[in-house]
Amino acid sequence: MIERLLITTLLIFIGTTAYATFKRRHVRILGDLETAVFPTPTILYFASDSCAACPSQARYLEQLLSLWQEGLVVQKIDTEVEPETAVKYGVFTLPTTILIDQQGDVREINYGLTHTQKLTEQIAGLA
């Protein structure tokens, strides 16, 4: 019982620390992608083939792209192919979406499945 409580507390601490770190972080190079700042808001989408919720998240992101047309970039990062990138960005659960503004600043981090409506509201909040 105490071990379970300690593990839960540790996971909450790690998640909170990762979120606080990324709210202040500037994103310039994404793994092997030598991409500076995109001219539009960007979503980094961390997923893998073994993730059960990732196909649903991919559908939500497709809906989002159809709403925003060319005003949005979604960059998928496969954590099985690029595990070091996932570690670098503090991704500890899949799917994870990180919203980056035009200046390269991390503005939102969503751990787990995030519906199209919430992502739309977050992008609209950048304006």
N, C-alpha and C. Protein backbone atom coordinates (compact mmCIF):
# COMPACT_ATOMS: atom_id res chain seq x y z
N MET A 1 0.82 -1.19 0.00
CA MET A 1 0.00 0.00 0.00
C MET A 1 0.87 1.26 0.00
N ILE A 2 1.87 1.30 0.86
CA ILE A 2 2.75 2.46 0.94
C ILE A 2 3.59 2.57 -0.33
N GLU A 3 4.02 1.43 -0.87
CA GLU A 3 4.80 1.46 -2.11
C GLU A 3 3.98 2.06 -3.24
N ARG A 4 2.72 1.67 -3.30
CA ARG A 4 1.83 2.20 -4.35
C ARG A 4 1.66 3.71 -4.21
N LEU A 5 1.50 4.18 -2.98
CA LEU A 5 1.36 5.61 -2.72
C LEU A 5 2.62 6.36 -3.12
N LEU A 6 3.78 5.81 -2.80
CA LEU A 6 5.05 6.44 -3.17
C LEU A 6 5.22 6.51 -4.68
N ILE A 7 4.88 5.44 -5.38
CA ILE A 7 4.99 5.42 -6.83
C ILE A 7 4.05 6.45 -7.46
N THR A 8 2.82 6.50 -6.97
CA THR A 8 1.85 7.48 -7.48
C THR A 8 2.35 8.90 -7.25
N THR A 9 2.86 9.17 -6.07
CA THR A 9 3.38 10.49 -5.76
C THR A 9 4.55 10.85 -6.67
N LEU A 10 5.43 9.89 -6.90
CA LEU A 10 6.58 10.11 -7.77
C LEU A 10 6.13 10.42 -9.20
N LEU A 11 5.15 9.67 -9.72
CA LEU A 11 4.65 9.92 -11.08
C LEU A 11 4.02 11.30 -11.20
N ILE A 12 3.28 11.71 -10.19
CA ILE A 12 2.67 13.05 -10.21
C ILE A 12 3.77 14.11 -10.21
N PHE A 13 4.81 13.92 -9.39
CA PHE A 13 5.91 14.87 -9.33
C PHE A 13 6.63 14.97 -10.66
N ILE A 14 6.90 13.83 -11.29
CA ILE A 14 7.58 13.82 -12.59
C ILE A 14 6.74 14.55 -13.63
N GLY A 15 5.45 14.26 -13.67
CA GLY A 15 4.57 14.91 -14.64
C GLY A 15 4.50 16.41 -14.43
N THR A 16 4.39 16.84 -13.18
CA THR A 16 4.31 18.26 -12.87
C THR A 16 5.62 18.96 -13.22
N THR A 17 6.74 18.32 -12.93
CA THR A 17 8.04 18.90 -13.24
C THR A 17 8.23 19.03 -14.74
N ALA A 18 7.86 17.99 -15.49
CA ALA A 18 7.99 18.03 -16.94
C ALA A 18 7.14 19.15 -17.51
N TYR A 19 5.91 19.32 -17.02
CA TYR A 19 5.03 20.36 -17.52
C TYR A 19 5.62 21.74 -17.24
N ALA A 20 6.11 21.95 -16.02
CA ALA A 20 6.69 23.25 -15.68
C ALA A 20 7.92 23.54 -16.52
N THR A 21 8.72 22.52 -16.78
CA THR A 21 9.91 22.70 -17.60
C THR A 21 9.54 23.10 -19.01
N PHE A 22 8.56 22.43 -19.61
CA PHE A 22 8.22 22.69 -20.99
C PHE A 22 7.46 23.99 -21.19
N LYS A 23 6.79 24.49 -20.18
CA LYS A 23 6.12 25.77 -20.32
C LYS A 23 7.15 26.90 -20.53
N ARG A 24 8.38 26.70 -20.06
CA ARG A 24 9.42 27.72 -20.20
C ARG A 24 10.37 27.42 -21.35
N ARG A 25 10.27 26.27 -21.96
CA ARG A 25 11.27 25.82 -22.93
C ARG A 25 11.06 26.44 -24.31
N HIS A 26 12.15 26.68 -24.98
CA HIS A 26 12.13 27.16 -26.35
C HIS A 26 12.46 25.98 -27.24
N VAL A 27 11.72 25.77 -28.29
CA VAL A 27 11.95 24.63 -29.17
C VAL A 27 12.57 25.14 -30.46
N ARG A 28 13.71 24.63 -30.80
CA ARG A 28 14.38 25.04 -32.04
C ARG A 28 14.74 23.83 -32.91
N ILE A 29 15.25 22.76 -32.33
CA ILE A 29 15.61 21.58 -33.11
C ILE A 29 14.85 20.39 -32.55
N LEU A 30 14.18 19.65 -33.40
CA LEU A 30 13.35 18.53 -32.98
C LEU A 30 14.00 17.22 -33.43
N GLY A 31 14.76 16.62 -32.57
CA GLY A 31 15.39 15.35 -32.91
C GLY A 31 16.23 15.48 -34.16
N ASP A 32 16.00 14.60 -35.11
CA ASP A 32 16.73 14.63 -36.37
C ASP A 32 16.17 15.69 -37.31
N LEU A 33 15.04 16.27 -36.96
CA LEU A 33 14.42 17.30 -37.80
C LEU A 33 15.12 18.61 -37.52
N GLU A 34 15.84 19.09 -38.47
CA GLU A 34 16.51 20.37 -38.27
C GLU A 34 15.57 21.49 -38.69
N THR A 35 14.49 21.59 -37.94
CA THR A 35 13.45 22.55 -38.23
C THR A 35 13.55 23.68 -37.24
N ALA A 36 13.70 24.86 -37.71
CA ALA A 36 13.73 26.01 -36.79
C ALA A 36 12.29 26.29 -36.39
N VAL A 37 11.84 27.47 -36.53
CA VAL A 37 10.50 27.84 -36.11
C VAL A 37 9.58 27.78 -37.31
N PHE A 38 8.46 27.11 -37.15
CA PHE A 38 7.47 27.04 -38.22
C PHE A 38 6.74 28.37 -38.30
N PRO A 39 6.27 28.76 -39.48
CA PRO A 39 5.56 30.03 -39.61
C PRO A 39 4.13 29.97 -39.06
N THR A 40 3.69 28.80 -38.66
CA THR A 40 2.35 28.61 -38.12
C THR A 40 2.45 27.84 -36.81
N PRO A 41 1.37 27.80 -36.02
CA PRO A 41 1.40 26.95 -34.82
C PRO A 41 1.72 25.51 -35.22
N THR A 42 2.42 24.82 -34.34
CA THR A 42 2.87 23.46 -34.61
C THR A 42 2.47 22.55 -33.46
N ILE A 43 2.03 21.36 -33.81
CA ILE A 43 1.75 20.34 -32.80
C ILE A 43 2.76 19.22 -32.98
N LEU A 44 3.52 18.95 -31.94
CA LEU A 44 4.36 17.76 -31.92
C LEU A 44 3.51 16.64 -31.37
N TYR A 45 3.35 15.59 -32.15
CA TYR A 45 2.48 14.48 -31.80
C TYR A 45 3.35 13.26 -31.57
N PHE A 46 3.50 12.86 -30.31
CA PHE A 46 4.30 11.70 -29.94
C PHE A 46 3.39 10.48 -29.89
N ALA A 47 3.75 9.45 -30.67
CA ALA A 47 2.93 8.25 -30.77
C ALA A 47 3.81 7.05 -31.07
N SER A 48 3.20 5.87 -31.09
CA SER A 48 3.89 4.65 -31.52
C SER A 48 2.85 3.67 -32.02
N ASP A 49 3.32 2.66 -32.74
CA ASP A 49 2.42 1.63 -33.27
C ASP A 49 1.81 0.79 -32.16
N SER A 50 2.47 0.68 -31.02
CA SER A 50 1.97 -0.14 -29.92
C SER A 50 1.01 0.61 -29.00
N CYS A 51 0.77 1.88 -29.28
CA CYS A 51 -0.12 2.71 -28.46
C CYS A 51 -1.58 2.48 -28.89
N ALA A 52 -2.41 2.05 -27.96
CA ALA A 52 -3.81 1.76 -28.27
C ALA A 52 -4.62 3.01 -28.57
N ALA A 53 -4.33 4.11 -27.91
CA ALA A 53 -5.11 5.34 -28.08
C ALA A 53 -4.60 6.20 -29.23
N CYS A 54 -3.44 5.91 -29.76
CA CYS A 54 -2.84 6.76 -30.80
C CYS A 54 -3.65 6.84 -32.09
N PRO A 55 -4.29 5.75 -32.57
CA PRO A 55 -5.13 5.91 -33.77
C PRO A 55 -6.28 6.89 -33.57
N SER A 56 -6.86 6.89 -32.37
CA SER A 56 -7.94 7.85 -32.09
C SER A 56 -7.39 9.27 -32.08
N GLN A 57 -6.22 9.47 -31.48
CA GLN A 57 -5.60 10.80 -31.47
C GLN A 57 -5.28 11.24 -32.89
N ALA A 58 -4.82 10.32 -33.73
CA ALA A 58 -4.51 10.66 -35.12
C ALA A 58 -5.76 11.14 -35.85
N ARG A 59 -6.91 10.51 -35.58
CA ARG A 59 -8.17 10.96 -36.21
C ARG A 59 -8.53 12.37 -35.73
N TYR A 60 -8.34 12.63 -34.43
CA TYR A 60 -8.63 13.97 -33.91
C TYR A 60 -7.73 15.01 -34.58
N LEU A 61 -6.47 14.66 -34.78
CA LEU A 61 -5.54 15.59 -35.42
C LEU A 61 -5.89 15.80 -36.89
N GLU A 62 -6.36 14.75 -37.58
CA GLU A 62 -6.80 14.91 -38.96
C GLU A 62 -7.99 15.86 -39.04
N GLN A 63 -8.93 15.73 -38.10
CA GLN A 63 -10.07 16.65 -38.06
C GLN A 63 -9.58 18.08 -37.82
N LEU A 64 -8.63 18.22 -36.93
CA LEU A 64 -8.07 19.53 -36.62
C LEU A 64 -7.42 20.15 -37.85
N LEU A 65 -6.65 19.36 -38.59
CA LEU A 65 -6.00 19.86 -39.80
C LEU A 65 -7.02 20.26 -40.85
N SER A 66 -8.13 19.54 -40.94
CA SER A 66 -9.15 19.92 -41.92
C SER A 66 -9.83 21.24 -41.54
N LEU A 67 -9.90 21.52 -40.24
CA LEU A 67 -10.48 22.79 -39.79
C LEU A 67 -9.55 23.97 -40.03
N TRP A 68 -8.26 23.77 -39.83
CA TRP A 68 -7.29 24.86 -39.90
C TRP A 68 -6.63 24.99 -41.25
N GLN A 69 -6.87 24.05 -42.14
CA GLN A 69 -6.29 24.06 -43.48
C GLN A 69 -4.77 24.22 -43.42
N GLU A 70 -4.23 25.34 -43.90
CA GLU A 70 -2.79 25.51 -43.95
C GLU A 70 -2.25 26.34 -42.79
N GLY A 71 -3.08 26.63 -41.82
CA GLY A 71 -2.65 27.46 -40.70
C GLY A 71 -2.09 26.68 -39.54
N LEU A 72 -1.71 25.40 -39.77
CA LEU A 72 -1.26 24.55 -38.68
C LEU A 72 -0.34 23.46 -39.24
N VAL A 73 0.68 23.09 -38.46
CA VAL A 73 1.57 22.00 -38.82
C VAL A 73 1.50 20.95 -37.71
N VAL A 74 1.35 19.68 -38.09
CA VAL A 74 1.41 18.58 -37.13
C VAL A 74 2.62 17.74 -37.49
N GLN A 75 3.52 17.59 -36.54
CA GLN A 75 4.73 16.79 -36.75
C GLN A 75 4.65 15.56 -35.87
N LYS A 76 4.50 14.38 -36.48
CA LYS A 76 4.43 13.13 -35.72
C LYS A 76 5.85 12.64 -35.42
N ILE A 77 6.05 12.25 -34.18
CA ILE A 77 7.32 11.68 -33.75
C ILE A 77 7.03 10.30 -33.20
N ASP A 78 7.53 9.27 -33.86
CA ASP A 78 7.34 7.89 -33.45
C ASP A 78 8.34 7.58 -32.34
N THR A 79 7.83 7.30 -31.16
CA THR A 79 8.71 7.10 -30.01
C THR A 79 9.49 5.79 -30.08
N GLU A 80 9.05 4.86 -30.92
CA GLU A 80 9.81 3.62 -31.09
C GLU A 80 11.01 3.85 -32.01
N VAL A 81 10.89 4.78 -32.94
CA VAL A 81 11.97 5.11 -33.86
C VAL A 81 12.92 6.14 -33.24
N GLU A 82 12.35 7.11 -32.53
CA GLU A 82 13.14 8.19 -31.92
C GLU A 82 12.90 8.26 -30.41
N PRO A 83 13.30 7.23 -29.66
CA PRO A 83 13.05 7.26 -28.21
C PRO A 83 13.80 8.39 -27.49
N GLU A 84 14.96 8.76 -28.01
CA GLU A 84 15.73 9.84 -27.36
C GLU A 84 15.02 11.18 -27.49
N THR A 85 14.28 11.37 -28.57
CA THR A 85 13.52 12.62 -28.73
C THR A 85 12.40 12.68 -27.70
N ALA A 86 11.74 11.54 -27.49
CA ALA A 86 10.67 11.48 -26.49
C ALA A 86 11.22 11.78 -25.09
N VAL A 87 12.37 11.23 -24.79
CA VAL A 87 12.99 11.48 -23.49
C VAL A 87 13.38 12.96 -23.38
N LYS A 88 13.93 13.50 -24.44
CA LYS A 88 14.35 14.91 -24.46
C LYS A 88 13.19 15.84 -24.14
N TYR A 89 12.00 15.52 -24.64
CA TYR A 89 10.84 16.37 -24.42
C TYR A 89 9.99 15.94 -23.23
N GLY A 90 10.48 14.98 -22.44
CA GLY A 90 9.78 14.59 -21.23
C GLY A 90 8.50 13.82 -21.45
N VAL A 91 8.38 13.15 -22.57
CA VAL A 91 7.17 12.39 -22.87
C VAL A 91 7.22 11.09 -22.08
N PHE A 92 6.20 10.88 -21.23
CA PHE A 92 6.16 9.68 -20.43
C PHE A 92 4.88 8.87 -20.62
N THR A 93 3.99 9.38 -21.45
CA THR A 93 2.77 8.65 -21.78
C THR A 93 2.40 8.95 -23.22
N LEU A 94 1.71 8.01 -23.83
CA LEU A 94 1.28 8.18 -25.23
C LEU A 94 -0.22 8.10 -25.32
N PRO A 95 -0.82 8.86 -26.20
CA PRO A 95 -0.23 9.91 -27.02
C PRO A 95 0.02 11.17 -26.20
N THR A 96 0.97 11.95 -26.65
CA THR A 96 1.25 13.27 -26.07
C THR A 96 1.30 14.27 -27.21
N THR A 97 0.63 15.39 -27.02
CA THR A 97 0.68 16.47 -28.00
C THR A 97 1.24 17.72 -27.32
N ILE A 98 2.19 18.35 -28.01
CA ILE A 98 2.80 19.58 -27.50
C ILE A 98 2.53 20.67 -28.52
N LEU A 99 1.88 21.73 -28.07
CA LEU A 99 1.53 22.85 -28.95
C LEU A 99 2.59 23.93 -28.84
N ILE A 100 3.14 24.31 -30.00
CA ILE A 100 4.21 25.30 -30.07
C ILE A 100 3.73 26.49 -30.90
N ASP A 101 3.96 27.70 -30.39
CA ASP A 101 3.53 28.88 -31.13
C ASP A 101 4.55 29.24 -32.22
N GLN A 102 4.27 30.32 -32.96
CA GLN A 102 5.12 30.72 -34.08
C GLN A 102 6.51 31.17 -33.65
N GLN A 103 6.68 31.56 -32.41
CA GLN A 103 7.99 31.97 -31.92
C GLN A 103 8.83 30.79 -31.43
N GLY A 104 8.24 29.60 -31.42
CA GLY A 104 8.96 28.41 -30.97
C GLY A 104 8.79 28.11 -29.50
N ASP A 105 7.85 28.78 -28.83
CA ASP A 105 7.62 28.54 -27.41
C ASP A 105 6.56 27.48 -27.20
N VAL A 106 6.80 26.57 -26.27
CA VAL A 106 5.81 25.56 -25.90
C VAL A 106 4.70 26.29 -25.14
N ARG A 107 3.48 26.14 -25.63
CA ARG A 107 2.34 26.81 -25.00
C ARG A 107 1.41 25.86 -24.27
N GLU A 108 1.27 24.64 -24.76
CA GLU A 108 0.39 23.66 -24.14
C GLU A 108 1.00 22.28 -24.27
N ILE A 109 0.78 21.44 -23.25
CA ILE A 109 1.17 20.04 -23.30
C ILE A 109 -0.04 19.22 -22.89
N ASN A 110 -0.40 18.26 -23.73
CA ASN A 110 -1.54 17.39 -23.45
C ASN A 110 -1.05 15.95 -23.36
N TYR A 111 -1.17 15.37 -22.17
CA TYR A 111 -0.81 13.98 -21.97
C TYR A 111 -2.06 13.13 -22.11
N GLY A 112 -1.99 12.12 -22.95
CA GLY A 112 -3.15 11.26 -23.18
C GLY A 112 -4.00 11.78 -24.33
N LEU A 113 -5.12 11.13 -24.53
CA LEU A 113 -6.02 11.44 -25.63
C LEU A 113 -6.61 12.85 -25.45
N THR A 114 -6.49 13.68 -26.48
CA THR A 114 -6.98 15.06 -26.44
C THR A 114 -7.90 15.28 -27.63
N HIS A 115 -9.14 15.63 -27.34
CA HIS A 115 -10.16 15.79 -28.38
C HIS A 115 -9.89 17.01 -29.26
N THR A 116 -10.43 16.98 -30.45
CA THR A 116 -10.28 18.06 -31.43
C THR A 116 -10.73 19.40 -30.87
N GLN A 117 -11.82 19.41 -30.14
CA GLN A 117 -12.35 20.66 -29.61
C GLN A 117 -11.36 21.33 -28.66
N LYS A 118 -10.75 20.56 -27.78
CA LYS A 118 -9.78 21.15 -26.84
C LYS A 118 -8.56 21.68 -27.59
N LEU A 119 -8.08 20.94 -28.57
CA LEU A 119 -6.94 21.39 -29.36
C LEU A 119 -7.28 22.66 -30.12
N THR A 120 -8.50 22.74 -30.65
CA THR A 120 -8.94 23.93 -31.39
C THR A 120 -8.93 25.15 -30.46
N GLU A 121 -9.44 24.97 -29.24
CA GLU A 121 -9.47 26.06 -28.28
C GLU A 121 -8.05 26.51 -27.92
N GLN A 122 -7.14 25.55 -27.78
CA GLN A 122 -5.76 25.89 -27.44
C GLN A 122 -5.09 26.67 -28.57
N ILE A 123 -5.33 26.26 -29.81
CA ILE A 123 -4.74 26.96 -30.95
C ILE A 123 -5.33 28.37 -31.07
N ALA A 124 -6.64 28.47 -30.88
CA ALA A 124 -7.29 29.78 -30.96
C ALA A 124 -6.76 30.72 -29.87
N GLY A 125 -6.34 30.16 -28.74
CA GLY A 125 -5.79 30.97 -27.66
C GLY A 125 -4.43 31.57 -27.96
N LEU A 126 -3.80 31.12 -29.04
CA LEU A 126 -2.50 31.66 -29.41
C LEU A 126 -2.62 33.01 -30.09
N ALA A 127 -3.79 33.30 -30.64
CA ALA A 127 -3.97 34.54 -31.40
C ALA A 127 -4.06 35.75 -30.50
